[in-house]
C-alpha atoms as a PDB file:
ATOM      1  CA  UNK A   1     -20.674  62.055-143.285  1.00  0.00           C
ATOM      2  CA  UNK A   2     -18.419  59.753-145.315  1.00  0.00           C
ATOM      3  CA  UNK A   3     -16.259  62.651-146.536  1.00  0.00           C
ATOM      4  CA  UNK A   4     -15.828  64.009-143.004  1.00  0.00           C
ATOM      5  CA  UNK A   5     -14.803  60.596-141.670  1.00  0.00           C
ATOM      6  CA  UNK A   6     -12.320  60.141-144.515  1.00  0.00           C
ATOM      7  CA  UNK A   7     -10.874  63.612-143.917  1.00  0.00           C
ATOM      8  CA  UNK A   8     -10.540  62.856-140.183  1.00  0.00           C
ATOM      9  CA  UNK A   9      -8.745  59.572-140.942  1.00  0.00           C
ATOM     10  CA  UNK A  10      -6.373  61.274-143.389  1.00  0.00           C
ATOM     11  CA  UNK A  11      -5.584  64.006-140.840  1.00  0.00           C
ATOM     12  CA  UNK A  12      -5.032  61.435-138.078  1.00  0.00           C
ATOM     13  CA  UNK A  13      -2.688  59.384-140.284  1.00  0.00           C
ATOM     14  CA  UNK A  14      -0.808  62.571-141.209  1.00  0.00           C
ATOM     15  CA  UNK A  15      -0.380  63.565-137.569  1.00  0.00           C
ATOM     16  CA  UNK A  16       0.801  60.069-136.631  1.00  0.00           C
ATOM     17  CA  UNK A  17       3.279  59.990-139.537  1.00  0.00           C
ATOM     18  CA  UNK A  18       4.612  63.439-138.630  1.00  0.00           C
ATOM     19  CA  UNK A  19       4.941  62.470-134.959  1.00  0.00           C
ATOM     20  CA  UNK A  20       6.791  59.277-135.824  1.00  0.00           C
ATOM     21  CA  UNK A  21       9.247  61.028-138.169  1.00  0.00           C
ATOM     22  CA  UNK A  22      10.004  63.628-135.500  1.00  0.00           C
ATOM     23  CA  UNK A  23      10.489  60.921-132.875  1.00  0.00           C
ATOM     24  CA  UNK A  24      12.848  59.102-135.258  1.00  0.00           C
ATOM     25  CA  UNK A  25      14.758  62.347-135.869  1.00  0.00           C
ATOM     26  CA  UNK A  26      15.008  63.048-132.135  1.00  0.00           C
ATOM     27  CA  UNK A  27      16.686  59.671-131.591  1.00  0.00           C
ATOM     28  CA  UNK A  28      19.457  60.823-133.942  1.00  0.00           C
ATOM     29  CA  UNK A  29      20.697  63.647-131.704  1.00  0.00           C
ATOM     30  CA  UNK A  30      24.452  64.078-131.960  1.00  0.00           C
ATOM     31  CA  UNK A  31      26.732  65.126-129.113  1.00  0.00           C
ATOM     32  CA  UNK A  32      30.343  66.201-129.182  1.00  0.00           C
ATOM     33  CA  UNK A  33      32.790  67.343-126.534  1.00  0.00           C
ATOM     34  CA  UNK A  34      33.746  70.962-127.172  1.00  0.00           C
ATOM     35  CA  UNK A  35      35.896  71.512-124.070  1.00  0.00           C
ATOM     36  CA  UNK A  36      37.408  69.407-121.312  1.00  0.00           C
ATOM     37  CA  UNK A  37      39.280  70.670-118.264  1.00  0.00           C
ATOM     38  CA  UNK A  38      41.038  68.522-115.685  1.00  0.00           C
ATOM     39  CA  UNK A  39      39.834  69.580-112.231  1.00  0.00           C
ATOM     40  CA  UNK A  40      41.446  66.941-110.012  1.00  0.00           C
ATOM     41  CA  UNK A  41      43.664  63.890-110.357  1.00  0.00           C
ATOM     42  CA  UNK A  42      43.945  61.276-107.604  1.00  0.00           C
ATOM     43  CA  UNK A  43      45.039  57.662-107.379  1.00  0.00           C
ATOM     44  CA  UNK A  44      41.342  56.686-107.758  1.00  0.00           C
ATOM     45  CA  UNK A  45      40.814  58.551-111.035  1.00  0.00           C
ATOM     46  CA  UNK A  46      40.422  61.999-112.536  1.00  0.00           C
ATOM     47  CA  UNK A  47      37.645  64.576-112.409  1.00  0.00           C
ATOM     48  CA  UNK A  48      36.951  66.681-115.495  1.00  0.00           C
ATOM     49  CA  UNK A  49      34.603  69.509-116.363  1.00  0.00           C
ATOM     50  CA  UNK A  50      33.148  68.788-119.814  1.00  0.00           C
ATOM     51  CA  UNK A  51      31.344  71.058-122.213  1.00  0.00           C
ATOM     52  CA  UNK A  52      29.131  69.216-124.688  1.00  0.00           C
ATOM     53  CA  UNK A  53      27.329  70.461-127.775  1.00  0.00           C
ATOM     54  CA  UNK A  54      24.108  68.703-128.805  1.00  0.00           C
ATOM     55  CA  UNK A  55      22.661  68.941-132.321  1.00  0.00           C
ATOM     56  CA  UNK A  56      18.888  68.378-132.674  1.00  0.00           C
ATOM     57  CA  UNK A  57      17.792  67.375-136.223  1.00  0.00           C
ATOM     58  CA  UNK A  58      14.075  67.263-135.330  1.00  0.00           C
ATOM     59  CA  UNK A  59      11.345  69.908-135.277  1.00  0.00           C
ATOM     60  CA  UNK A  60      10.743  69.175-131.575  1.00  0.00           C
ATOM     61  CA  UNK A  61      11.969  71.417-128.768  1.00  0.00           C
ATOM     62  CA  UNK A  62      13.546  69.069-126.230  1.00  0.00           C
ATOM     63  CA  UNK A  63      14.035  69.803-122.548  1.00  0.00           C
ATOM     64  CA  UNK A  64      16.629  67.766-120.639  1.00  0.00           C
ATOM     65  CA  UNK A  65      16.840  67.986-116.885  1.00  0.00           C
ATOM     66  CA  UNK A  66      19.839  67.070-114.774  1.00  0.00           C
ATOM     67  CA  UNK A  67      21.162  63.961-116.520  1.00  0.00           C
ATOM     68  CA  UNK A  68      23.388  61.183-115.212  1.00  0.00           C
ATOM     69  CA  UNK A  69      25.508  59.378-117.788  1.00  0.00           C
ATOM     70  CA  UNK A  70      28.038  56.553-117.961  1.00  0.00           C
ATOM     71  CA  UNK A  71      30.683  55.811-120.538  1.00  0.00           C
ATOM     72  CA  UNK A  72      31.404  52.222-121.451  1.00  0.00           C
ATOM     73  CA  UNK A  73      34.015  50.644-123.696  1.00  0.00           C
ATOM     74  CA  UNK A  74      34.524  46.953-124.381  1.00  0.00           C
ATOM     75  CA  UNK A  75      31.684  46.106-121.964  1.00  0.00           C
ATOM     76  CA  UNK A  76      33.516  47.886-119.119  1.00  0.00           C
ATOM     77  CA  UNK A  77      32.335  51.075-117.404  1.00  0.00           C
ATOM     78  CA  UNK A  78      35.174  53.574-117.542  1.00  0.00           C
ATOM     79  CA  UNK A  79      33.501  56.634-116.091  1.00  0.00           C
ATOM     80  CA  UNK A  80      30.406  58.656-115.469  1.00  0.00           C
ATOM     81  CA  UNK A  81      29.049  62.027-114.555  1.00  0.00           C
ATOM     82  CA  UNK A  82      26.187  64.477-114.416  1.00  0.00           C
ATOM     83  CA  UNK A  83      25.132  67.064-117.007  1.00  0.00           C
ATOM     84  CA  UNK A  84      23.452  70.333-116.120  1.00  0.00           C
ATOM     85  CA  UNK A  85      19.866  70.846-117.376  1.00  0.00           C
ATOM     86  CA  UNK A  86      19.445  72.354-120.845  1.00  0.00           C
ATOM     87  CA  UNK A  87      16.901  73.040-123.573  1.00  0.00           C
ATOM     88  CA  UNK A  88      17.601  71.848-127.106  1.00  0.00           C
ATOM     89  CA  UNK A  89      15.886  74.007-129.733  1.00  0.00           C
ATOM     90  CA  UNK A  90      14.181  72.557-132.791  1.00  0.00           C
ATOM     91  CA  UNK A  91      16.651  72.067-135.667  1.00  0.00           C
ATOM     92  CA  UNK A  92      19.301  73.729-133.487  1.00  0.00           C
ATOM     93  CA  UNK A  93      22.238  73.294-131.151  1.00  0.00           C
ATOM     94  CA  UNK A  94      22.694  73.695-127.414  1.00  0.00           C
ATOM     95  CA  UNK A  95      25.732  73.587-125.166  1.00  0.00           C
ATOM     96  CA  UNK A  96      25.775  72.273-121.619  1.00  0.00           C
ATOM     97  CA  UNK A  97      28.443  71.375-119.106  1.00  0.00           C
ATOM     98  CA  UNK A  98      28.911  68.890-116.337  1.00  0.00           C
ATOM     99  CA  UNK A  99      31.446  66.893-114.396  1.00  0.00           C
ATOM    100  CA  UNK A 100      32.871  63.569-115.505  1.00  0.00           C
ATOM    101  CA  UNK A 101      34.915  61.157-113.383  1.00  0.00           C
ATOM    102  CA  UNK A 102      36.945  58.375-114.910  1.00  0.00           C
ATOM    103  CA  UNK A 103      37.870  55.282-112.951  1.00  0.00           C
ATOM    104  CA  UNK A 104      41.361  54.052-113.559  1.00  0.00           C
END
């Protein structure tokens, strides 16, 4: 019984360590703007259609639903928008688009 308990503990520690490393990797997802098109310009700001590419360094498949985002610089909100839902494959890249409005 001692060997089985030790094996179970070693397996549990291994699973926890693997899960933590994948969680840590998933927090390092990179995003870059691959395309930006001006849709509308008014005296209140501009509306853009953005295309973003996400790079997933983890072994986890990540599913992102409709996502609201804001952009801040120097503690001031300068814009925001909504991204379309997308799935980010393990150790892969995914592209999604959405609208972004800046506030002038």
